[in-house]
Amino acid sequence: MADKFFDLSAKEQRDVLEVARTASGRPVYLLEKDVWVVWTLAVMFGAPFGTHLVFKGGTSLSKAYKAIRRFSEDVDLTYDIHQLVPDLPPSHGDFIPSNRSQAKKLTDTVRVRLPLWVSEQALTEINRALEKDHLTATARAEGEKIYIEYEALAEGYGFVKPVVMLEFGARSSGEPNEFHEVVCDAAEFIPIVRFPEASVRVMRVERTFWEKATAAHVFCRQGRLGGEGFARHWHDLACLHESGYAERALADREVARAVALHKTAFFRENDAQGKPIDYISAVSGGLQLVPEGPALETLRADYSRIVQDGGLLDDNQTFEALIDRCRAIEILANKGS
């Protein structure tokens, strides 16, 4: 029977990842972090509350759908809002508040209850698994996030830190979703070693597309980034277009409308002139994915930083090519509405 990766000595683990590095071309520190990401997913979805979690975001596009070629190191998870707030009326899909007052009250409730659940339930489960597997790592909760810090096997982590961050949300049910098997990137190169693997419930790629498309739309209307590395959304949209997933998402107007209604209720934003951004209009023929003027240069600079940090692995498309692909998506989205 093959040895488990974490049962190997530190030297043996380094040797194994070195073989995978030679075969894959990926640095050891990325392969190592990927092992910890998959281990973390296995712990979360194997927990008693795992049936109420949904894996989403860029890492899900990479690990479950193989749709993007950048290294996405954080784990985004949705905990079903009906579990956190059990007195909500039943609903098919996301629960949408009937007015702004109800949305604020629900948001305030989640902000109080979710950090408690993270520290009392999710963190406890991770610490239990670390002890059970005899792993040298520490985990801590900070609000709605958990950080797992592990001892790095290799030097030269650079922009990638030996820390897995889990970020939890709980303002939706995470639908639509489906099950996927997730394996470590190194596993295919070292069949004699048993790497962590996980069976996870993943937000369907159609919804992830519209989540990212509407985030890009907001930037185009505001002209300001939602944090460093925000250009990853444009990269992901371009990859989804190249892989054919974008066309599937553009055809699913029911999901597009669900995303728009959810963001209207919980993520209200104003444009550069202070006017409310109309998400329904955005997914109904008014989607903007290509910014103009100074905003375009802001996005270019952010994308350049991602490239320089090595976050795109083997994907070296120029910013101009990225924008051209996103412009094509924009045209298709607005033509098909």
Protein backbone atom coordinates (compact mmCIF):
# COMPACT_ATOMS: atom_id res chain seq x y z
CA MET A 1 0.00 0.00 0.00
CA ALA A 2 1.28 3.47 -0.87
CA ASP A 3 2.50 5.68 1.96
CA LYS A 4 0.48 8.75 2.90
CA PHE A 5 2.28 11.99 2.09
CA PHE A 6 2.01 13.33 5.62
CA ASP A 7 3.33 10.05 7.07
CA LEU A 8 6.63 10.62 5.29
CA SER A 9 9.55 12.39 6.95
CA ALA A 10 10.19 16.04 6.05
CA LYS A 11 13.10 14.98 3.84
CA GLU A 12 10.98 12.37 2.06
CA GLN A 13 8.21 14.91 1.51
CA ARG A 14 10.72 17.34 -0.02
CA ASP A 15 12.12 14.61 -2.25
CA VAL A 16 8.63 13.65 -3.43
CA LEU A 17 7.71 17.24 -4.25
CA GLU A 18 11.04 17.73 -5.99
CA VAL A 19 10.17 14.87 -8.33
CA ALA A 20 6.77 16.45 -8.96
CA ARG A 21 8.46 19.82 -9.57
CA THR A 22 10.69 18.30 -12.25
CA ALA A 23 7.72 16.64 -13.93
CA SER A 24 5.28 19.54 -13.68
CA GLY A 25 7.51 22.60 -13.84
CA ARG A 26 5.79 24.06 -10.77
CA PRO A 27 7.92 25.15 -7.82
CA VAL A 28 7.99 22.99 -4.72
CA TYR A 29 6.39 25.67 -2.54
CA LEU A 30 3.29 25.82 -4.78
CA LEU A 31 2.97 22.05 -4.84
CA GLU A 32 3.32 21.96 -1.06
CA LYS A 33 0.70 24.64 -0.51
CA ASP A 34 -1.64 22.81 -2.86
CA VAL A 35 -1.33 19.71 -0.65
CA TRP A 36 -2.40 21.76 2.36
CA VAL A 37 -5.31 23.30 0.43
CA VAL A 38 -6.66 19.86 -0.50
CA TRP A 39 -6.10 18.56 3.05
CA THR A 40 -8.08 21.53 4.37
CA LEU A 41 -10.94 20.87 1.96
CA ALA A 42 -11.01 17.21 3.02
CA VAL A 43 -11.27 18.24 6.67
CA MET A 44 -14.02 20.79 6.08
CA PHE A 45 -16.20 18.60 3.86
CA GLY A 46 -15.62 15.57 6.04
CA ALA A 47 -16.86 17.42 9.12
CA PRO A 48 -20.41 17.02 10.49
CA PHE A 49 -21.30 20.41 9.00
CA GLY A 50 -19.67 19.59 5.65
CA THR A 51 -23.01 18.93 3.93
CA HIS A 52 -23.88 22.60 4.47
CA LEU A 53 -20.72 24.00 2.87
CA VAL A 54 -20.10 25.04 -0.73
CA PHE A 55 -16.63 25.59 -2.21
CA LYS A 56 -16.50 28.64 -4.49
CA GLY A 57 -14.24 31.30 -6.01
CA GLY A 58 -11.07 31.12 -8.05
CA THR A 59 -9.62 28.12 -6.23
CA SER A 60 -12.75 26.13 -7.08
CA LEU A 61 -12.31 27.02 -10.75
CA SER A 62 -8.75 25.75 -10.58
CA LYS A 63 -9.17 22.64 -8.41
CA ALA A 64 -12.64 21.40 -9.40
CA TYR A 65 -13.09 22.61 -12.98
CA LYS A 66 -9.47 22.99 -14.16
CA ALA A 67 -10.72 26.14 -15.86
CA ILE A 68 -8.05 28.66 -14.86
CA ARG A 69 -4.26 28.54 -14.96
CA ARG A 70 -3.31 30.82 -12.12
CA PHE A 71 -2.34 29.73 -8.63
CA SER A 72 -5.30 30.46 -6.38
CA GLU A 73 -4.21 29.87 -2.81
CA ASP A 74 -7.19 30.83 -0.64
CA VAL A 75 -10.24 28.72 0.11
CA ASP A 76 -13.62 30.45 -0.18
CA LEU A 77 -16.51 28.63 1.46
CA THR A 78 -20.20 29.42 1.85
CA TYR A 79 -22.01 28.10 4.92
CA ASP A 80 -25.72 27.74 4.17
CA ILE A 81 -27.52 30.78 5.54
CA HIS A 82 -30.47 28.62 6.56
CA GLN A 83 -28.18 26.74 8.96
CA LEU A 84 -26.81 29.91 10.50
CA VAL A 85 -30.22 31.60 10.66
CA PRO A 86 -32.64 28.67 11.00
CA ASP A 87 -35.71 30.86 11.58
CA LEU A 88 -35.61 32.10 7.96
CA PRO A 89 -38.58 31.06 5.83
CA PRO A 90 -37.77 28.21 3.42
CA SER A 91 -36.75 29.28 -0.07
CA HIS A 92 -35.73 27.69 -3.35
CA GLY A 93 -32.16 28.84 -3.85
CA ASP A 94 -30.98 32.01 -2.12
CA PHE A 95 -33.17 33.77 0.38
CA ILE A 96 -33.74 37.31 -0.90
CA PRO A 97 -34.89 39.89 1.67
CA SER A 98 -38.05 41.77 0.76
CA ASN A 99 -36.62 45.19 1.63
CA ARG A 100 -33.44 47.00 2.69
CA SER A 101 -34.35 46.92 6.36
CA GLN A 102 -34.70 43.14 6.31
CA ALA A 103 -31.43 42.80 4.38
CA LYS A 104 -29.58 44.94 6.95
CA LYS A 105 -31.03 42.98 9.85
CA LEU A 106 -30.03 39.70 8.23
CA THR A 107 -26.54 40.99 7.44
CA ASP A 108 -26.07 42.16 11.01
CA THR A 109 -27.18 38.74 12.28
CA VAL A 110 -24.70 36.95 10.03
CA ARG A 111 -21.88 39.27 11.11
CA VAL A 112 -22.48 38.28 14.72
CA ARG A 113 -23.17 34.58 14.30
CA LEU A 114 -20.69 33.61 11.56
CA PRO A 115 -17.47 34.50 13.45
CA LEU A 116 -18.76 32.51 16.43
CA TRP A 117 -19.50 29.51 14.24
CA VAL A 118 -16.07 29.81 12.59
CA SER A 119 -14.21 29.84 15.92
CA GLU A 120 -16.39 27.28 17.72
CA GLN A 121 -17.10 24.79 14.91
CA ALA A 122 -14.78 25.14 11.92
CA LEU A 123 -11.60 25.96 13.86
CA THR A 124 -12.27 23.16 16.35
CA GLU A 125 -12.59 20.68 13.50
CA ILE A 126 -9.31 21.82 11.93
CA ASN A 127 -7.42 21.60 15.23
CA ARG A 128 -8.84 18.14 15.83
CA ALA A 129 -7.63 17.01 12.39
CA LEU A 130 -4.18 18.53 12.88
CA GLU A 131 -3.80 16.59 16.10
CA LYS A 132 -5.18 13.38 14.62
CA ASP A 133 -2.80 13.52 11.64
CA HIS A 134 0.16 14.62 13.82
CA LEU A 135 0.78 17.67 11.65
CA THR A 136 3.06 20.54 12.61
CA ALA A 137 0.86 23.54 11.96
CA THR A 138 -1.14 26.09 13.89
CA ALA A 139 -4.61 27.39 13.14
CA ARG A 140 -6.28 30.55 14.31
CA ALA A 141 -9.60 32.28 13.64
CA GLU A 142 -9.92 35.98 12.92
CA GLY A 143 -13.51 36.98 12.40
CA GLU A 144 -14.86 35.14 9.37
CA LYS A 145 -11.44 33.75 8.39
CA ILE A 146 -9.21 30.91 9.53
CA TYR A 147 -5.45 30.87 8.95
CA ILE A 148 -3.52 27.60 8.93
CA GLU A 149 0.22 28.22 9.20
CA TYR A 150 2.44 25.25 8.38
CA GLU A 151 6.20 24.69 8.45
CA ALA A 152 7.46 25.12 4.89
CA LEU A 153 9.50 22.33 3.36
CA ALA A 154 11.16 24.63 0.85
CA GLU A 155 12.72 28.08 0.81
CA GLY A 156 11.82 30.88 -1.54
CA TYR A 157 8.09 31.20 -0.96
CA GLY A 158 8.19 34.82 -2.08
CA PHE A 159 4.70 36.21 -2.62
CA VAL A 160 3.13 32.89 -1.60
CA LYS A 161 3.18 32.41 2.16
CA PRO A 162 3.06 29.02 3.94
CA VAL A 163 -0.44 29.85 5.15
CA VAL A 164 -3.80 28.57 3.95
CA MET A 165 -6.58 31.09 4.45
CA LEU A 166 -10.19 29.98 4.63
CA GLU A 167 -12.75 32.72 4.18
CA PHE A 168 -16.34 31.94 5.08
CA GLY A 169 -19.52 33.62 3.91
CA ALA A 170 -23.08 32.89 4.94
CA ARG A 171 -25.47 35.13 3.04
CA SER A 172 -26.54 32.52 0.50
CA SER A 173 -27.23 28.82 0.10
CA GLY A 174 -24.43 28.45 -2.47
CA GLU A 175 -26.78 27.19 -5.17
CA PRO A 176 -26.55 25.91 -7.81
CA ASN A 177 -23.79 23.49 -6.89
CA GLU A 178 -22.52 20.01 -7.70
CA PHE A 179 -20.04 17.45 -6.36
CA HIS A 180 -16.46 17.18 -7.58
CA GLU A 181 -13.45 15.14 -6.57
CA VAL A 182 -10.41 17.28 -5.77
CA VAL A 183 -6.86 15.93 -5.84
CA CYS A 184 -3.38 17.37 -5.30
CA ASP A 185 -1.47 18.67 -8.33
CA ALA A 186 1.50 16.45 -7.45
CA ALA A 187 -0.56 13.24 -7.24
CA GLU A 188 -0.46 12.38 -10.94
CA PHE A 189 3.34 12.41 -10.95
CA ILE A 190 3.91 10.29 -7.82
CA PRO A 191 1.44 7.37 -7.88
CA ILE A 192 3.31 5.50 -5.13
CA VAL A 193 2.36 8.21 -2.60
CA ARG A 194 -1.16 8.80 -1.29
CA PHE A 195 -1.83 12.52 -1.29
CA PRO A 196 -4.87 14.16 0.37
CA GLU A 197 -8.04 14.15 -1.70
CA ALA A 198 -11.52 15.46 -1.08
CA SER A 199 -15.07 15.10 -2.30
CA VAL A 200 -16.53 18.59 -2.22
CA ARG A 201 -19.73 20.41 -3.05
CA VAL A 202 -18.74 23.15 -5.50
CA MET A 203 -20.60 26.21 -6.66
CA ARG A 204 -21.39 25.61 -10.31
CA VAL A 205 -19.17 27.43 -12.72
CA GLU A 206 -22.11 29.34 -14.23
CA ARG A 207 -22.73 31.16 -10.95
CA THR A 208 -19.04 31.78 -10.35
CA PHE A 209 -18.85 33.36 -13.81
CA TRP A 210 -21.68 35.79 -13.04
CA GLU A 211 -20.24 36.57 -9.60
CA LYS A 212 -16.98 37.59 -11.24
CA ALA A 213 -18.61 39.35 -14.19
CA THR A 214 -20.72 41.56 -11.90
CA ALA A 215 -17.65 42.30 -9.73
CA ALA A 216 -15.83 43.45 -12.88
CA HIS A 217 -18.89 45.51 -13.87
CA VAL A 218 -18.81 47.31 -10.53
CA PHE A 219 -15.15 48.24 -11.01
CA CYS A 220 -15.87 49.58 -14.49
CA ARG A 221 -18.59 51.84 -13.07
CA GLN A 222 -16.56 52.93 -10.02
CA GLY A 223 -13.01 53.01 -11.35
CA ARG A 224 -11.48 51.70 -8.13
CA LEU A 225 -10.12 48.25 -7.31
CA GLY A 226 -11.62 46.00 -4.67
CA GLY A 227 -8.21 45.11 -3.25
CA GLU A 228 -4.78 44.12 -4.52
CA GLY A 229 -4.86 41.43 -7.19
CA PHE A 230 -8.42 42.32 -8.21
CA ALA A 231 -7.42 41.89 -11.87
CA ARG A 232 -7.63 38.15 -11.26
CA HIS A 233 -11.35 38.38 -12.06
CA TRP A 234 -10.63 39.47 -15.64
CA HIS A 235 -8.05 36.71 -16.01
CA ASP A 236 -10.56 34.15 -14.76
CA LEU A 237 -13.30 35.42 -17.07
CA ALA A 238 -10.94 35.19 -20.03
CA CYS A 239 -10.02 31.60 -19.10
CA LEU A 240 -13.70 30.69 -18.72
CA HIS A 241 -14.31 32.06 -22.20
CA GLU A 242 -11.40 30.11 -23.63
CA SER A 243 -12.55 26.86 -22.00
CA GLY A 244 -16.16 27.24 -23.17
CA TYR A 245 -17.63 27.73 -19.71
CA ALA A 246 -18.47 31.38 -20.34
CA GLU A 247 -20.87 30.44 -23.15
CA ARG A 248 -22.68 28.06 -20.80
CA ALA A 249 -22.96 30.78 -18.19
CA LEU A 250 -24.17 33.40 -20.66
CA ALA A 251 -26.95 31.05 -21.70
CA ASP A 252 -28.07 30.61 -18.08
CA ARG A 253 -30.03 33.80 -17.49
CA GLU A 254 -31.78 32.30 -14.48
CA VAL A 255 -28.47 32.10 -12.61
CA ALA A 256 -27.52 35.56 -13.87
CA ARG A 257 -30.71 37.02 -12.43
CA ALA A 258 -30.24 35.14 -9.15
CA VAL A 259 -26.77 36.67 -8.76
CA ALA A 260 -28.12 40.12 -9.60
CA LEU A 261 -30.94 39.86 -7.04
CA HIS A 262 -28.57 38.59 -4.37
CA LYS A 263 -26.05 41.40 -4.93
CA THR A 264 -28.84 43.97 -5.04
CA ALA A 265 -29.96 42.82 -1.60
CA PHE A 266 -26.61 42.33 0.11
CA PHE A 267 -23.90 44.11 -1.87
CA ARG A 268 -25.25 47.50 -2.88
CA GLU A 269 -22.69 49.71 -4.59
CA ASN A 270 -22.69 53.19 -6.10
CA ASP A 271 -20.98 54.22 -9.31
CA ALA A 272 -18.43 57.03 -9.66
CA GLN A 273 -21.27 59.59 -9.72
CA GLY A 274 -22.83 58.22 -6.53
CA LYS A 275 -25.74 56.52 -8.27
CA PRO A 276 -26.75 52.95 -7.29
CA ILE A 277 -25.38 50.28 -9.60
CA ASP A 278 -28.20 48.36 -11.26
CA TYR A 279 -27.22 44.68 -11.24
CA ILE A 280 -30.42 43.60 -12.98
CA SER A 281 -29.64 45.92 -15.86
CA ALA A 282 -26.06 44.66 -15.94
CA VAL A 283 -27.12 41.05 -16.55
CA SER A 284 -29.88 42.10 -18.95
CA GLY A 285 -27.89 43.75 -21.71
CA GLY A 286 -25.89 46.40 -19.84
CA LEU A 287 -22.82 44.46 -18.71
CA GLN A 288 -19.51 46.34 -18.84
CA LEU A 289 -16.29 44.35 -18.50
CA VAL A 290 -13.81 46.73 -20.15
CA PRO A 291 -13.02 49.86 -18.12
CA GLU A 292 -12.18 53.18 -19.72
CA GLY A 293 -9.63 55.94 -19.18
CA PRO A 294 -7.68 55.94 -15.89
CA ALA A 295 -9.56 52.86 -14.67
CA LEU A 296 -8.12 50.83 -17.54
CA GLU A 297 -4.58 51.87 -16.54
CA THR A 298 -5.31 51.03 -12.89
CA LEU A 299 -6.38 47.57 -13.95
CA ARG A 300 -3.32 47.20 -16.19
CA ALA A 301 -1.00 48.01 -13.27
CA ASP A 302 -2.75 45.51 -10.99
CA TYR A 303 -2.54 42.79 -13.64
CA SER A 304 1.16 43.54 -14.11
CA ARG A 305 1.76 42.99 -10.40
CA ILE A 306 0.06 39.58 -10.56
CA VAL A 307 2.24 38.59 -13.53
CA GLN A 308 5.44 39.81 -11.84
CA ASP A 309 4.59 37.87 -8.68
CA GLY A 310 4.31 34.66 -10.73
CA GLY A 311 0.67 34.16 -9.87
CA LEU A 312 -0.36 33.13 -13.38
CA LEU A 313 1.94 30.09 -13.60
CA ASP A 314 2.30 29.24 -17.31
CA ASP A 315 -0.31 31.71 -18.58
CA ASN A 316 1.56 34.66 -20.07
CA GLN A 317 -1.13 36.39 -22.11
CA THR A 318 -0.68 40.12 -22.48
CA PHE A 319 -3.00 42.61 -20.86
CA GLU A 320 -4.22 43.63 -24.31
CA ALA A 321 -5.14 40.03 -25.14
CA LEU A 322 -6.92 39.73 -21.80
CA ILE A 323 -8.99 42.84 -22.46
CA ASP A 324 -9.81 41.72 -26.01
CA ARG A 325 -11.20 38.44 -24.69
CA CYS A 326 -13.23 40.21 -22.01
CA ARG A 327 -14.56 42.63 -24.63
CA ALA A 328 -15.73 39.61 -26.64
CA ILE A 329 -17.53 38.27 -23.55
CA GLU A 330 -19.16 41.66 -23.00
CA ILE A 331 -20.46 41.73 -26.57
CA LEU A 332 -21.83 38.18 -26.31
CA ALA A 333 -23.47 38.89 -22.95
CA ASN A 334 -25.26 42.02 -24.12
CA LYS A 335 -26.22 40.61 -27.52
CA GLY A 336 -27.82 37.53 -25.99
CA SER A 337 -30.02 39.41 -23.50
